[in-house]
Amino acid sequence: MEASAKLSFVRLSPQKARLVVDMVRGKGVQEALNILKFSPQRASEIVGKLVRSAVANAEQKGVGDVDRLFVKTIFVDQGPVLRRFMPKGRGSASRIRKPTSHITVVLAEQ
């Protein structure tokens, strides 16, 4: 049986989030949480919360043994990009891109 969690519109670049997500793909839940806890990236805190949420969803669903769960699939999709403008010299402006991400975690029993 599977349990999943999804977080949408995270103010984080998908490229930076994928670096963290690749570290925990295919690992057991406890091992993944340990990796994320000691990882210095900002995305690791967000992904850690999401994995814990998926574990809570599994408990609610009544999946057999929570200790036997592993990260079956985890991926990051690109969300909409917020565009802002900053004034520059001589009356011109430059675009500032603020990317967002959609992160999805699916846990399964071994």
PDB file of N, CA and C in Angstrom:
ATOM      1  N   MET A   1       0.837  -1.183   0.000  1.00  0.00           N
ATOM      2  CA  MET A   1       0.000   0.000   0.000  1.00  0.00           C
ATOM      3  C   MET A   1       0.883   1.248   0.000  1.00  0.00           C
ATOM      4  N   GLU A   2       0.399   2.274  -0.613  1.00  0.00           N
ATOM      5  CA  GLU A   2       1.186   3.496  -0.760  1.00  0.00           C
ATOM      6  C   GLU A   2       0.519   4.661  -0.033  1.00  0.00           C
ATOM      7  N   ALA A   3       1.359   5.599   0.360  1.00  0.00           N
ATOM      8  CA  ALA A   3       0.883   6.855   0.942  1.00  0.00           C
ATOM      9  C   ALA A   3       1.678   7.980   0.302  1.00  0.00           C
ATOM     10  N   SER A   4       1.027   9.107   0.095  1.00  0.00           N
ATOM     11  CA  SER A   4       1.720  10.189  -0.587  1.00  0.00           C
ATOM     12  C   SER A   4       1.443  11.525   0.090  1.00  0.00           C
ATOM     13  N   ALA A   5       2.277  12.500  -0.258  1.00  0.00           N
ATOM     14  CA  ALA A   5       2.095  13.876   0.200  1.00  0.00           C
ATOM     15  C   ALA A   5       2.602  14.787  -0.906  1.00  0.00           C
ATOM     16  N   LYS A   6       1.956  15.926  -1.055  1.00  0.00           N
ATOM     17  CA  LYS A   6       2.348  16.861  -2.102  1.00  0.00           C
ATOM     18  C   LYS A   6       2.380  18.273  -1.536  1.00  0.00           C
ATOM     19  N   LEU A   7       3.399  19.011  -1.918  1.00  0.00           N
ATOM     20  CA  LEU A   7       3.535  20.401  -1.504  1.00  0.00           C
ATOM     21  C   LEU A   7       3.658  21.242  -2.763  1.00  0.00           C
ATOM     22  N   SER A   8       2.758  22.199  -2.904  1.00  0.00           N
ATOM     23  CA  SER A   8       2.727  23.007  -4.122  1.00  0.00           C
ATOM     24  C   SER A   8       3.153  24.441  -3.845  1.00  0.00           C
ATOM     25  N   PHE A   9       3.659  25.078  -4.864  1.00  0.00           N
ATOM     26  CA  PHE A   9       4.014  26.498  -4.858  1.00  0.00           C
ATOM     27  C   PHE A   9       5.047  26.846  -3.780  1.00  0.00           C
ATOM     28  N   VAL A  10       6.070  25.998  -3.646  1.00  0.00           N
ATOM     29  CA  VAL A  10       7.152  26.271  -2.708  1.00  0.00           C
ATOM     30  C   VAL A  10       8.059  27.312  -3.342  1.00  0.00           C
ATOM     31  N   ARG A  11       8.407  28.357  -2.605  1.00  0.00           N
ATOM     32  CA  ARG A  11       9.276  29.412  -3.138  1.00  0.00           C
ATOM     33  C   ARG A  11      10.720  28.931  -3.113  1.00  0.00           C
ATOM     34  N   LEU A  12      11.015  28.010  -4.011  1.00  0.00           N
ATOM     35  CA  LEU A  12      12.323  27.378  -4.078  1.00  0.00           C
ATOM     36  C   LEU A  12      12.546  26.950  -5.516  1.00  0.00           C
ATOM     37  N   SER A  13      13.752  27.138  -6.000  1.00  0.00           N
ATOM     38  CA  SER A  13      14.072  26.757  -7.361  1.00  0.00           C
ATOM     39  C   SER A  13      13.990  25.235  -7.522  1.00  0.00           C
ATOM     40  N   PRO A  14      13.361  24.735  -8.596  1.00  0.00           N
ATOM     41  CA  PRO A  14      13.294  23.285  -8.803  1.00  0.00           C
ATOM     42  C   PRO A  14      14.672  22.648  -8.920  1.00  0.00           C
ATOM     43  N   GLN A  15      15.613  23.368  -9.497  1.00  0.00           N
ATOM     44  CA  GLN A  15      16.965  22.827  -9.657  1.00  0.00           C
ATOM     45  C   GLN A  15      17.600  22.569  -8.298  1.00  0.00           C
ATOM     46  N   LYS A  16      17.435  23.490  -7.361  1.00  0.00           N
ATOM     47  CA  LYS A  16      18.003  23.328  -6.029  1.00  0.00           C
ATOM     48  C   LYS A  16      17.272  22.240  -5.255  1.00  0.00           C
ATOM     49  N   ALA A  17      15.964  22.142  -5.444  1.00  0.00           N
ATOM     50  CA  ALA A  17      15.188  21.116  -4.746  1.00  0.00           C
ATOM     51  C   ALA A  17      15.536  19.723  -5.257  1.00  0.00           C
ATOM     52  N   ARG A  18      15.807  19.595  -6.555  1.00  0.00           N
ATOM     53  CA  ARG A  18      16.133  18.276  -7.117  1.00  0.00           C
ATOM     54  C   ARG A  18      17.443  17.728  -6.569  1.00  0.00           C
ATOM     55  N   LEU A  19      18.392  18.610  -6.237  1.00  0.00           N
ATOM     56  CA  LEU A  19      19.646  18.150  -5.646  1.00  0.00           C
ATOM     57  C   LEU A  19      19.396  17.440  -4.327  1.00  0.00           C
ATOM     58  N   VAL A  20      18.482  17.948  -3.529  1.00  0.00           N
ATOM     59  CA  VAL A  20      18.168  17.347  -2.232  1.00  0.00           C
ATOM     60  C   VAL A  20      17.324  16.093  -2.409  1.00  0.00           C
ATOM     61  N   VAL A  21      16.358  16.156  -3.310  1.00  0.00           N
ATOM     62  CA  VAL A  21      15.455  15.031  -3.538  1.00  0.00           C
ATOM     63  C   VAL A  21      16.214  13.800  -4.034  1.00  0.00           C
ATOM     64  N   ASP A  22      17.232  14.001  -4.855  1.00  0.00           N
ATOM     65  CA  ASP A  22      18.001  12.880  -5.389  1.00  0.00           C
ATOM     66  C   ASP A  22      18.761  12.126  -4.297  1.00  0.00           C
ATOM     67  N   MET A  23      19.051  12.797  -3.175  1.00  0.00           N
ATOM     68  CA  MET A  23      19.789  12.147  -2.087  1.00  0.00           C
ATOM     69  C   MET A  23      18.946  11.094  -1.368  1.00  0.00           C
ATOM     70  N   VAL A  24      17.627  11.255  -1.339  1.00  0.00           N
ATOM     71  CA  VAL A  24      16.785  10.365  -0.528  1.00  0.00           C
ATOM     72  C   VAL A  24      15.941   9.388  -1.350  1.00  0.00           C
ATOM     73  N   ARG A  25      15.990   9.478  -2.656  1.00  0.00           N
ATOM     74  CA  ARG A  25      15.174   8.587  -3.490  1.00  0.00           C
ATOM     75  C   ARG A  25      15.594   7.133  -3.291  1.00  0.00           C
ATOM     76  N   GLY A  26      14.618   6.267  -2.968  1.00  0.00           N
ATOM     77  CA  GLY A  26      14.879   4.847  -2.804  1.00  0.00           C
ATOM     78  C   GLY A  26      15.350   4.440  -1.413  1.00  0.00           C
ATOM     79  N   LYS A  27      15.542   5.378  -0.508  1.00  0.00           N
ATOM     80  CA  LYS A  27      16.025   5.077   0.840  1.00  0.00           C
ATOM     81  C   LYS A  27      14.843   4.767   1.763  1.00  0.00           C
ATOM     82  N   GLY A  28      15.142   4.132   2.886  1.00  0.00           N
ATOM     83  CA  GLY A  28      14.142   3.932   3.921  1.00  0.00           C
ATOM     84  C   GLY A  28      13.776   5.272   4.544  1.00  0.00           C
ATOM     85  N   VAL A  29      12.614   5.337   5.167  1.00  0.00           N
ATOM     86  CA  VAL A  29      12.131   6.610   5.699  1.00  0.00           C
ATOM     87  C   VAL A  29      13.058   7.145   6.780  1.00  0.00           C
ATOM     88  N   GLN A  30      13.475   6.284   7.705  1.00  0.00           N
ATOM     89  CA  GLN A  30      14.326   6.752   8.804  1.00  0.00           C
ATOM     90  C   GLN A  30      15.676   7.230   8.281  1.00  0.00           C
ATOM     91  N   GLU A  31      16.242   6.502   7.335  1.00  0.00           N
ATOM     92  CA  GLU A  31      17.523   6.899   6.744  1.00  0.00           C
ATOM     93  C   GLU A  31      17.385   8.219   5.972  1.00  0.00           C
ATOM     94  N   ALA A  32      16.270   8.368   5.255  1.00  0.00           N
ATOM     95  CA  ALA A  32      16.027   9.603   4.495  1.00  0.00           C
ATOM     96  C   ALA A  32      15.902  10.800   5.434  1.00  0.00           C
ATOM     97  N   LEU A  33      15.193  10.627   6.542  1.00  0.00           N
ATOM     98  CA  LEU A  33      15.041  11.727   7.496  1.00  0.00           C
ATOM     99  C   LEU A  33      16.376  12.103   8.129  1.00  0.00           C
ATOM    100  N   ASN A  34      17.232  11.102   8.393  1.00  0.00           N
ATOM    101  CA  ASN A  34      18.561  11.400   8.943  1.00  0.00           C
ATOM    102  C   ASN A  34      19.419  12.171   7.941  1.00  0.00           C
ATOM    103  N   ILE A  35      19.365  11.785   6.684  1.00  0.00           N
ATOM    104  CA  ILE A  35      20.120  12.482   5.649  1.00  0.00           C
ATOM    105  C   ILE A  35      19.651  13.936   5.547  1.00  0.00           C
ATOM    106  N   LEU A  36      18.342  14.124   5.553  1.00  0.00           N
ATOM    107  CA  LEU A  36      17.790  15.469   5.415  1.00  0.00           C
ATOM    108  C   LEU A  36      18.067  16.326   6.648  1.00  0.00           C
ATOM    109  N   LYS A  37      18.105  15.702   7.808  1.00  0.00           N
ATOM    110  CA  LYS A  37      18.335  16.454   9.046  1.00  0.00           C
ATOM    111  C   LYS A  37      19.723  17.090   9.066  1.00  0.00           C
ATOM    112  N   PHE A  38      20.720  16.380   8.538  1.00  0.00           N
ATOM    113  CA  PHE A  38      22.093  16.861   8.599  1.00  0.00           C
ATOM    114  C   PHE A  38      22.577  17.480   7.292  1.00  0.00           C
ATOM    115  N   SER A  39      21.666  17.693   6.365  1.00  0.00           N
ATOM    116  CA  SER A  39      22.009  18.320   5.102  1.00  0.00           C
ATOM    117  C   SER A  39      21.910  19.843   5.251  1.00  0.00           C
ATOM    118  N   PRO A  40      22.901  20.599   4.758  1.00  0.00           N
ATOM    119  CA  PRO A  40      22.899  22.048   4.973  1.00  0.00           C
ATOM    120  C   PRO A  40      21.980  22.847   4.043  1.00  0.00           C
ATOM    121  N   GLN A  41      21.428  22.230   3.014  1.00  0.00           N
ATOM    122  CA  GLN A  41      20.604  22.961   2.058  1.00  0.00           C
ATOM    123  C   GLN A  41      19.269  23.393   2.676  1.00  0.00           C
ATOM    124  N   ARG A  42      18.753  24.489   2.187  1.00  0.00           N
ATOM    125  CA  ARG A  42      17.468  24.995   2.667  1.00  0.00           C
ATOM    126  C   ARG A  42      16.326  24.054   2.271  1.00  0.00           C
ATOM    127  N   ALA A  43      16.457  23.419   1.134  1.00  0.00           N
ATOM    128  CA  ALA A  43      15.405  22.531   0.641  1.00  0.00           C
ATOM    129  C   ALA A  43      15.269  21.283   1.502  1.00  0.00           C
ATOM    130  N   SER A  44      16.319  20.901   2.220  1.00  0.00           N
ATOM    131  CA  SER A  44      16.266  19.675   3.012  1.00  0.00           C
ATOM    132  C   SER A  44      15.241  19.781   4.141  1.00  0.00           C
ATOM    133  N   GLU A  45      15.083  20.966   4.712  1.00  0.00           N
ATOM    134  CA  GLU A  45      14.086  21.153   5.770  1.00  0.00           C
ATOM    135  C   GLU A  45      12.674  20.988   5.207  1.00  0.00           C
ATOM    136  N   ILE A  46      12.438  21.542   4.032  1.00  0.00           N
ATOM    137  CA  ILE A  46      11.119  21.469   3.394  1.00  0.00           C
ATOM    138  C   ILE A  46      10.788  20.032   3.006  1.00  0.00           C
ATOM    139  N   VAL A  47      11.761  19.335   2.407  1.00  0.00           N
ATOM    140  CA  VAL A  47      11.538  17.954   1.985  1.00  0.00           C
ATOM    141  C   VAL A  47      11.363  17.049   3.205  1.00  0.00           C
ATOM    142  N   GLY A  48      12.107  17.323   4.279  1.00  0.00           N
ATOM    143  CA  GLY A  48      11.961  16.543   5.514  1.00  0.00           C
ATOM    144  C   GLY A  48      10.560  16.638   6.091  1.00  0.00           C
ATOM    145  N   LYS A  49      10.013  17.851   6.102  1.00  0.00           N
ATOM    146  CA  LYS A  49       8.644  18.036   6.584  1.00  0.00           C
ATOM    147  C   LYS A  49       7.653  17.263   5.716  1.00  0.00           C
ATOM    148  N   LEU A  50       7.910  17.267   4.419  1.00  0.00           N
ATOM    149  CA  LEU A  50       7.013  16.590   3.492  1.00  0.00           C
ATOM    150  C   LEU A  50       7.064  15.074   3.682  1.00  0.00           C
ATOM    151  N   VAL A  51       8.252  14.525   3.918  1.00  0.00           N
ATOM    152  CA  VAL A  51       8.381  13.083   4.163  1.00  0.00           C
ATOM    153  C   VAL A  51       7.661  12.707   5.460  1.00  0.00           C
ATOM    154  N   ARG A  52       7.815  13.543   6.497  1.00  0.00           N
ATOM    155  CA  ARG A  52       7.113  13.272   7.757  1.00  0.00           C
ATOM    156  C   ARG A  52       5.595  13.334   7.565  1.00  0.00           C
ATOM    157  N   SER A  53       5.140  14.239   6.716  1.00  0.00           N
ATOM    158  CA  SER A  53       3.718  14.330   6.414  1.00  0.00           C
ATOM    159  C   SER A  53       3.229  13.070   5.696  1.00  0.00           C
ATOM    160  N   ALA A  54       4.033  12.551   4.786  1.00  0.00           N
ATOM    161  CA  ALA A  54       3.659  11.327   4.074  1.00  0.00           C
ATOM    162  C   ALA A  54       3.609  10.138   5.036  1.00  0.00           C
ATOM    163  N   VAL A  55       4.512  10.108   6.028  1.00  0.00           N
ATOM    164  CA  VAL A  55       4.489   9.042   7.039  1.00  0.00           C
ATOM    165  C   VAL A  55       3.202   9.144   7.862  1.00  0.00           C
ATOM    166  N   ALA A  56       2.822  10.364   8.236  1.00  0.00           N
ATOM    167  CA  ALA A  56       1.576  10.563   8.983  1.00  0.00           C
ATOM    168  C   ALA A  56       0.369  10.141   8.150  1.00  0.00           C
ATOM    169  N   ASN A  57       0.406  10.420   6.857  1.00  0.00           N
ATOM    170  CA  ASN A  57      -0.678   9.984   5.971  1.00  0.00           C
ATOM    171  C   ASN A  57      -0.747   8.461   5.914  1.00  0.00           C
ATOM    172  N   ALA A  58       0.412   7.809   5.935  1.00  0.00           N
ATOM    173  CA  ALA A  58       0.447   6.347   5.911  1.00  0.00           C
ATOM    174  C   ALA A  58      -0.160   5.776   7.194  1.00  0.00           C
ATOM    175  N   GLU A  59       0.145   6.404   8.323  1.00  0.00           N
ATOM    176  CA  GLU A  59      -0.435   5.949   9.589  1.00  0.00           C
ATOM    177  C   GLU A  59      -1.958   6.108   9.573  1.00  0.00           C
ATOM    178  N   GLN A  60      -2.443   7.224   9.050  1.00  0.00           N
ATOM    179  CA  GLN A  60      -3.879   7.457   8.971  1.00  0.00           C
ATOM    180  C   GLN A  60      -4.563   6.446   8.050  1.00  0.00           C
ATOM    181  N   LYS A  61      -3.861   6.095   6.972  1.00  0.00           N
ATOM    182  CA  LYS A  61      -4.414   5.157   6.003  1.00  0.00           C
ATOM    183  C   LYS A  61      -4.440   3.735   6.535  1.00  0.00           C
ATOM    184  N   GLY A  62      -3.615   3.475   7.537  1.00  0.00           N
ATOM    185  CA  GLY A  62      -3.566   2.132   8.108  1.00  0.00           C
ATOM    186  C   GLY A  62      -2.609   1.206   7.377  1.00  0.00           C
ATOM    187  N   VAL A  63      -1.536   1.774   6.829  1.00  0.00           N
ATOM    188  CA  VAL A  63      -0.520   0.942   6.188  1.00  0.00           C
ATOM    189  C   VAL A  63       0.115   0.076   7.266  1.00  0.00           C
ATOM    190  N   GLY A  64       0.394  -1.191   6.956  1.00  0.00           N
ATOM    191  CA  GLY A  64       0.881  -2.170   7.926  1.00  0.00           C
ATOM    192  C   GLY A  64       1.895  -1.673   8.929  1.00  0.00           C
ATOM    193  N   ASP A  65       3.162  -1.632   8.548  1.00  0.00           N
ATOM    194  CA  ASP A  65       4.225  -1.265   9.470  1.00  0.00           C
ATOM    195  C   ASP A  65       4.919  -0.005   8.954  1.00  0.00           C
ATOM    196  N   VAL A  66       4.868   1.046   9.756  1.00  0.00           N
ATOM    197  CA  VAL A  66       5.438   2.325   9.341  1.00  0.00           C
ATOM    198  C   VAL A  66       6.964   2.248   9.257  1.00  0.00           C
ATOM    199  N   ASP A  67       7.581   1.363  10.055  1.00  0.00           N
ATOM    200  CA  ASP A  67       9.041   1.234  10.046  1.00  0.00           C
ATOM    201  C   ASP A  67       9.564   0.606   8.754  1.00  0.00           C
ATOM    202  N   ARG A  68       8.702  -0.059   8.009  1.00  0.00           N
ATOM    203  CA  ARG A  68       9.134  -0.712   6.768  1.00  0.00           C
ATOM    204  C   ARG A  68       8.908   0.148   5.528  1.00  0.00           C
ATOM    205  N   LEU A  69       8.483   1.391   5.709  1.00  0.00           N
ATOM    206  CA  LEU A  69       8.242   2.270   4.568  1.00  0.00           C
ATOM    207  C   LEU A  69       9.551   2.753   3.953  1.00  0.00           C
ATOM    208  N   PHE A  70       9.527   2.958   2.651  1.00  0.00           N
ATOM    209  CA  PHE A  70      10.657   3.560   1.949  1.00  0.00           C
ATOM    210  C   PHE A  70      10.135   4.555   0.922  1.00  0.00           C
ATOM    211  N   VAL A  71      11.020   5.424   0.467  1.00  0.00           N
ATOM    212  CA  VAL A  71      10.654   6.467  -0.492  1.00  0.00           C
ATOM    213  C   VAL A  71      10.614   5.824  -1.875  1.00  0.00           C
ATOM    214  N   LYS A  72       9.407   5.537  -2.344  1.00  0.00           N
ATOM    215  CA  LYS A  72       9.257   4.876  -3.641  1.00  0.00           C
ATOM    216  C   LYS A  72       9.545   5.858  -4.773  1.00  0.00           C
ATOM    217  N   THR A  73       8.809   6.948  -4.778  1.00  0.00           N
ATOM    218  CA  THR A  73       9.068   7.998  -5.773  1.00  0.00           C
ATOM    219  C   THR A  73       9.037   9.351  -5.071  1.00  0.00           C
ATOM    220  N   ILE A  74       9.905  10.210  -5.527  1.00  0.00           N
ATOM    221  CA  ILE A  74       9.932  11.589  -5.049  1.00  0.00           C
ATOM    222  C   ILE A  74      10.415  12.434  -6.222  1.00  0.00           C
ATOM    223  N   PHE A  75       9.670  13.466  -6.546  1.00  0.00           N
ATOM    224  CA  PHE A  75      10.066  14.281  -7.693  1.00  0.00           C
ATOM    225  C   PHE A  75       9.657  15.725  -7.484  1.00  0.00           C
ATOM    226  N   VAL A  76      10.292  16.594  -8.264  1.00  0.00           N
ATOM    227  CA  VAL A  76      10.044  18.030  -8.190  1.00  0.00           C
ATOM    228  C   VAL A  76       9.627  18.513  -9.575  1.00  0.00           C
ATOM    229  N   ASP A  77       8.486  19.159  -9.645  1.00  0.00           N
ATOM    230  CA  ASP A  77       8.019  19.775 -10.885  1.00  0.00           C
ATOM    231  C   ASP A  77       8.155  21.286 -10.757  1.00  0.00           C
ATOM    232  N   GLN A  78       8.295  21.929 -11.889  1.00  0.00           N
ATOM    233  CA  GLN A  78       8.415  23.381 -11.890  1.00  0.00           C
ATOM    234  C   GLN A  78       7.032  24.012 -11.785  1.00  0.00           C
ATOM    235  N   GLY A  79       6.917  24.999 -10.915  1.00  0.00           N
ATOM    236  CA  GLY A  79       5.681  25.749 -10.766  1.00  0.00           C
ATOM    237  C   GLY A  79       5.771  27.052 -11.539  1.00  0.00           C
ATOM    238  N   PRO A  80       4.799  27.927 -11.356  1.00  0.00           N
ATOM    239  CA  PRO A  80       4.847  29.212 -12.048  1.00  0.00           C
ATOM    240  C   PRO A  80       5.979  30.085 -11.519  1.00  0.00           C
ATOM    241  N   VAL A  81       6.482  30.947 -12.379  1.00  0.00           N
ATOM    242  CA  VAL A  81       7.587  31.831 -12.004  1.00  0.00           C
ATOM    243  C   VAL A  81       7.013  33.218 -11.723  1.00  0.00           C
ATOM    244  N   LEU A  82       7.281  33.732 -10.527  1.00  0.00           N
ATOM    245  CA  LEU A  82       6.873  35.098 -10.203  1.00  0.00           C
ATOM    246  C   LEU A  82       7.877  36.039 -10.834  1.00  0.00           C
ATOM    247  N   ARG A  83       7.404  37.034 -11.556  1.00  0.00           N
ATOM    248  CA  ARG A  83       8.316  37.966 -12.218  1.00  0.00           C
ATOM    249  C   ARG A  83       8.172  39.341 -11.580  1.00  0.00           C
ATOM    250  N   ARG A  84       9.280  39.879 -11.168  1.00  0.00           N
ATOM    251  CA  ARG A  84       9.319  41.209 -10.574  1.00  0.00           C
ATOM    252  C   ARG A  84      10.309  42.050 -11.362  1.00  0.00           C
ATOM    253  N   PHE A  85      10.200  43.350 -11.253  1.00  0.00           N
ATOM    254  CA  PHE A  85      11.104  44.238 -11.968  1.00  0.00           C
ATOM    255  C   PHE A  85      11.828  45.141 -10.988  1.00  0.00           C
ATOM    256  N   MET A  86      13.117  45.358 -11.260  1.00  0.00           N
ATOM    257  CA  MET A  86      13.926  46.230 -10.425  1.00  0.00           C
ATOM    258  C   MET A  86      14.472  47.357 -11.286  1.00  0.00           C
ATOM    259  N   PRO A  87      14.334  48.591 -10.809  1.00  0.00           N
ATOM    260  CA  PRO A  87      14.861  49.710 -11.588  1.00  0.00           C
ATOM    261  C   PRO A  87      16.377  49.645 -11.713  1.00  0.00           C
ATOM    262  N   LYS A  88      16.855  49.991 -12.880  1.00  0.00           N
ATOM    263  CA  LYS A  88      18.299  50.022 -13.133  1.00  0.00           C
ATOM    264  C   LYS A  88      18.676  51.417 -13.627  1.00  0.00           C
ATOM    265  N   GLY A  89      19.907  51.546 -13.987  1.00  0.00           N
ATOM    266  CA  GLY A  89      20.411  52.849 -14.408  1.00  0.00           C
ATOM    267  C   GLY A  89      19.805  53.350 -15.704  1.00  0.00           C
ATOM    268  N   ARG A  90      19.770  54.649 -15.863  1.00  0.00           N
ATOM    269  CA  ARG A  90      19.319  55.337 -17.063  1.00  0.00           C
ATOM    270  C   ARG A  90      17.869  55.007 -17.420  1.00  0.00           C
ATOM    271  N   GLY A  91      17.033  54.830 -16.412  1.00  0.00           N
ATOM    272  CA  GLY A  91      15.604  54.654 -16.644  1.00  0.00           C
ATOM    273  C   GLY A  91      15.184  53.292 -17.140  1.00  0.00           C
ATOM    274  N   SER A  92      16.086  52.317 -17.119  1.00  0.00           N
ATOM    275  CA  SER A  92      15.707  50.984 -17.586  1.00  0.00           C
ATOM    276  C   SER A  92      15.336  50.108 -16.384  1.00  0.00           C
ATOM    277  N   ALA A  93      14.911  48.900 -16.679  1.00  0.00           N
ATOM    278  CA  ALA A  93      14.527  47.959 -15.625  1.00  0.00           C
ATOM    279  C   ALA A  93      15.009  46.573 -16.005  1.00  0.00           C
ATOM    280  N   SER A  94      15.270  45.746 -14.991  1.00  0.00           N
ATOM    281  CA  SER A  94      15.647  44.356 -15.254  1.00  0.00           C
ATOM    282  C   SER A  94      14.654  43.432 -14.560  1.00  0.00           C
ATOM    283  N   ARG A  95      14.475  42.270 -15.130  1.00  0.00           N
ATOM    284  CA  ARG A  95      13.519  41.304 -14.616  1.00  0.00           C
ATOM    285  C   ARG A  95      14.174  40.452 -13.537  1.00  0.00           C
ATOM    286  N   ILE A  96      13.446  40.222 -12.445  1.00  0.00           N
ATOM    287  CA  ILE A  96      13.875  39.303 -11.398  1.00  0.00           C
ATOM    288  C   ILE A  96      12.908  38.129 -11.420  1.00  0.00           C
ATOM    289  N   ARG A  97      13.450  36.915 -11.544  1.00  0.00           N
ATOM    290  CA  ARG A  97      12.621  35.706 -11.596  1.00  0.00           C
ATOM    291  C   ARG A  97      12.624  35.044 -10.226  1.00  0.00           C
ATOM    292  N   LYS A  98      11.445  34.718  -9.728  1.00  0.00           N
ATOM    293  CA  LYS A  98      11.313  34.027  -8.446  1.00  0.00           C
ATOM    294  C   LYS A  98      10.600  32.701  -8.718  1.00  0.00           C
ATOM    295  N   PRO A  99      11.357  31.629  -8.935  1.00  0.00           N
ATOM    296  CA  PRO A  99      10.751  30.358  -9.327  1.00  0.00           C
ATOM    297  C   PRO A  99      10.051  29.659  -8.157  1.00  0.00           C
ATOM    298  N   THR A 100       9.062  28.822  -8.490  1.00  0.00           N
ATOM    299  CA  THR A 100       8.379  28.007  -7.501  1.00  0.00           C
ATOM    300  C   THR A 100       8.445  26.548  -7.922  1.00  0.00           C
ATOM    301  N   SER A 101       8.170  25.651  -6.967  1.00  0.00           N
ATOM    302  CA  SER A 101       8.266  24.215  -7.211  1.00  0.00           C
ATOM    303  C   SER A 101       7.039  23.493  -6.658  1.00  0.00           C
ATOM    304  N   HIS A 102       6.765  22.336  -7.218  1.00  0.00           N
ATOM    305  CA  HIS A 102       5.769  21.403  -6.691  1.00  0.00           C
ATOM    306  C   HIS A 102       6.520  20.125  -6.364  1.00  0.00           C
ATOM    307  N   ILE A 103       6.497  19.696  -5.087  1.00  0.00           N
ATOM    308  CA  ILE A 103       7.244  18.517  -4.653  1.00  0.00           C
ATOM    309  C   ILE A 103       6.246  17.427  -4.278  1.00  0.00           C
ATOM    310  N   THR A 104       6.466  16.204  -4.772  1.00  0.00           N
ATOM    311  CA  THR A 104       5.592  15.071  -4.493  1.00  0.00           C
ATOM    312  C   THR A 104       6.403  13.910  -3.948  1.00  0.00           C
ATOM    313  N   VAL A 105       5.895  13.282  -2.877  1.00  0.00           N
ATOM    314  CA  VAL A 105       6.550  12.130  -2.239  1.00  0.00           C
ATOM    315  C   VAL A 105       5.558  10.989  -2.193  1.00  0.00           C
ATOM    316  N   VAL A 106       5.995   9.792  -2.596  1.00  0.00           N
ATOM    317  CA  VAL A 106       5.177   8.582  -2.487  1.00  0.00           C
ATOM    318  C   VAL A 106       5.976   7.559  -1.703  1.00  0.00           C
ATOM    319  N   LEU A 107       5.387   7.074  -0.601  1.00  0.00           N
ATOM    320  CA  LEU A 107       6.020   6.045   0.225  1.00  0.00           C
ATOM    321  C   LEU A 107       5.320   4.728  -0.003  1.00  0.00           C
ATOM    322  N   ALA A 108       6.080   3.633   0.055  1.00  0.00           N
ATOM    323  CA  ALA A 108       5.519   2.300  -0.107  1.00  0.00           C
ATOM    324  C   ALA A 108       6.162   1.361   0.907  1.00  0.00           C
ATOM    325  N   GLU A 109       5.499   0.241   1.148  1.00  0.00           N
ATOM    326  CA  GLU A 109       6.032  -0.762   2.063  1.00  0.00           C
ATOM    327  C   GLU A 109       6.979  -1.696   1.325  1.00  0.00           C
ATOM    328  N   GLN A 110       8.027  -2.101   1.995  1.00  0.00           N
ATOM    329  CA  GLN A 110       8.979  -3.027   1.365  1.00  0.00           C
ATOM    330  C   GLN A 110       8.418  -4.433   1.353  1.00  0.00           C
TER     331      GLN A 110
END
